[in-house]
Amino acid sequence: MTDCMFCKIERGEVPARIVYQDAELFAFDDLAPQAPTHILICPRRHFASLNEATTEDAATLGRMQLVGAQLAGERGIASGYRTVINNGRAAGQSVFHLHMHLLGGREFRWPPG
């Protein structure tokens, strides 16, 4: 996808503070953080949301969670953090490239919305 903001970040066309990358995933600090730690973890392959994911994407979705836990440890927030995937505009998704938020460094309330 040529006009997707996250695809542009992945290709290095838009600057971002990349904090993790491998052959399948990349992660960067959110430009408008909602917590002291706010990292976005994205698959390199573009798909808009969980609605487009298939069983072939299960390993990638699981790796996103594992990378989130790794980054939480590296950032010193492993004792309490949240991972969130907003799916669709009504859930707050504003960039339509599947991504997971890693949030931490402050107390969270329940329910979140």
Protein backbone atom coordinates (compact mmCIF):
# COMPACT_ATOMS: atom_id res chain seq x y z
CA MET A 1 0.00 0.00 0.00
CA THR A 2 1.68 3.21 -1.11
CA ASP A 3 -0.22 5.86 0.88
CA CYS A 4 -0.43 4.11 4.27
CA MET A 5 1.39 6.12 6.96
CA PHE A 6 2.69 3.01 8.73
CA CYS A 7 3.88 1.47 5.45
CA LYS A 8 5.76 4.73 4.82
CA ILE A 9 7.34 4.48 8.28
CA GLU A 10 8.28 0.84 7.58
CA ARG A 11 9.94 1.88 4.30
CA GLY A 12 11.80 4.76 5.99
CA GLU A 13 9.92 7.44 4.05
CA VAL A 14 8.44 9.01 7.19
CA PRO A 15 10.64 9.50 10.25
CA ALA A 16 9.85 7.62 13.43
CA ARG A 17 11.80 6.37 16.43
CA ILE A 18 12.05 2.68 15.58
CA VAL A 19 12.48 0.67 18.79
CA TYR A 20 12.26 -2.86 17.35
CA GLN A 21 12.39 -4.56 13.99
CA ASP A 22 12.77 -8.01 12.55
CA ALA A 23 11.79 -9.68 9.27
CA GLU A 24 8.10 -9.75 10.23
CA LEU A 25 7.45 -6.82 12.58
CA PHE A 26 8.52 -3.28 13.35
CA ALA A 27 7.73 -1.08 16.35
CA PHE A 28 8.06 2.61 17.04
CA ASP A 29 7.26 5.19 19.70
CA ASP A 30 3.81 6.71 19.17
CA LEU A 31 3.96 10.33 18.02
CA ALA A 32 1.02 11.26 20.28
CA PRO A 33 1.61 9.10 23.36
CA GLN A 34 -1.30 8.35 25.69
CA ALA A 35 0.99 6.98 28.43
CA PRO A 36 4.65 7.45 29.42
CA THR A 37 5.39 4.35 27.32
CA HIS A 38 3.34 4.13 24.14
CA ILE A 39 4.76 1.95 21.39
CA LEU A 40 3.04 0.79 18.22
CA ILE A 41 3.88 -2.74 17.04
CA CYS A 42 3.05 -3.44 13.39
CA PRO A 43 3.34 -6.31 10.95
CA ARG A 44 5.41 -5.42 7.89
CA ARG A 45 2.71 -6.93 5.69
CA HIS A 46 -0.11 -4.44 5.25
CA PHE A 47 -3.60 -5.39 6.26
CA ALA A 48 -6.07 -2.88 7.58
CA SER A 49 -7.47 -4.64 10.65
CA LEU A 50 -8.15 -7.93 12.37
CA ASN A 51 -11.09 -8.31 10.01
CA GLU A 52 -8.61 -8.94 7.19
CA ALA A 53 -6.39 -11.31 9.18
CA THR A 54 -6.48 -15.01 8.32
CA THR A 55 -5.35 -18.14 10.09
CA GLU A 56 -2.04 -17.67 8.26
CA ASP A 57 -1.56 -14.47 10.30
CA ALA A 58 -1.96 -16.23 13.67
CA ALA A 59 1.79 -16.56 14.23
CA THR A 60 2.35 -12.88 13.40
CA LEU A 61 -0.41 -11.82 15.80
CA GLY A 62 1.11 -13.96 18.54
CA ARG A 63 4.58 -12.58 17.86
CA MET A 64 3.19 -9.06 18.25
CA GLN A 65 2.18 -9.95 21.82
CA LEU A 66 5.56 -11.53 22.55
CA VAL A 67 7.41 -8.50 21.18
CA GLY A 68 5.16 -6.34 23.35
CA ALA A 69 6.21 -8.31 26.43
CA GLN A 70 9.87 -8.03 25.42
CA LEU A 71 9.61 -4.26 24.94
CA ALA A 72 7.74 -3.91 28.25
CA GLY A 73 10.67 -5.62 29.96
CA GLU A 74 13.20 -3.41 28.18
CA ARG A 75 11.25 -0.28 29.16
CA GLY A 76 10.88 -1.35 32.80
CA ILE A 77 7.10 -1.64 32.75
CA ALA A 78 6.75 -5.44 32.90
CA SER A 79 4.92 -5.23 36.25
CA GLY A 80 1.95 -3.53 34.59
CA TYR A 81 1.19 -2.71 30.97
CA ARG A 82 -1.62 -2.98 28.46
CA THR A 83 -1.68 -4.19 24.85
CA VAL A 84 -4.56 -2.98 22.69
CA ILE A 85 -5.67 -3.50 19.12
CA ASN A 86 -8.35 -1.03 18.05
CA ASN A 87 -10.37 -2.63 15.28
CA GLY A 88 -12.40 -0.22 13.17
CA ARG A 89 -13.23 3.46 13.35
CA ALA A 90 -15.88 2.96 16.08
CA ALA A 91 -13.18 1.41 18.30
CA GLY A 92 -10.78 4.31 17.79
CA GLN A 93 -8.64 2.95 14.95
CA SER A 94 -7.33 5.94 13.00
CA VAL A 95 -4.57 4.35 10.89
CA PHE A 96 -5.81 1.41 8.88
CA HIS A 97 -2.71 -0.75 9.05
CA LEU A 98 -3.14 -3.34 11.79
CA HIS A 99 -1.12 -2.33 14.85
CA MET A 100 -0.96 -3.08 18.54
CA HIS A 101 -0.48 -0.41 21.19
CA LEU A 102 1.85 -1.17 24.08
CA LEU A 103 0.95 1.22 26.91
CA GLY A 104 2.55 1.50 30.33
CA GLY A 105 4.21 3.66 32.91
CA ARG A 106 1.00 4.81 34.57
CA GLU A 107 -2.01 3.24 36.25
CA PHE A 108 -4.90 2.17 34.02
CA ARG A 109 -8.59 1.98 34.89
CA TRP A 110 -11.18 -0.60 33.93
CA PRO A 111 -13.22 -0.54 31.81
CA PRO A 112 -10.90 1.26 29.41
CA GLY A 113 -13.47 2.96 27.16
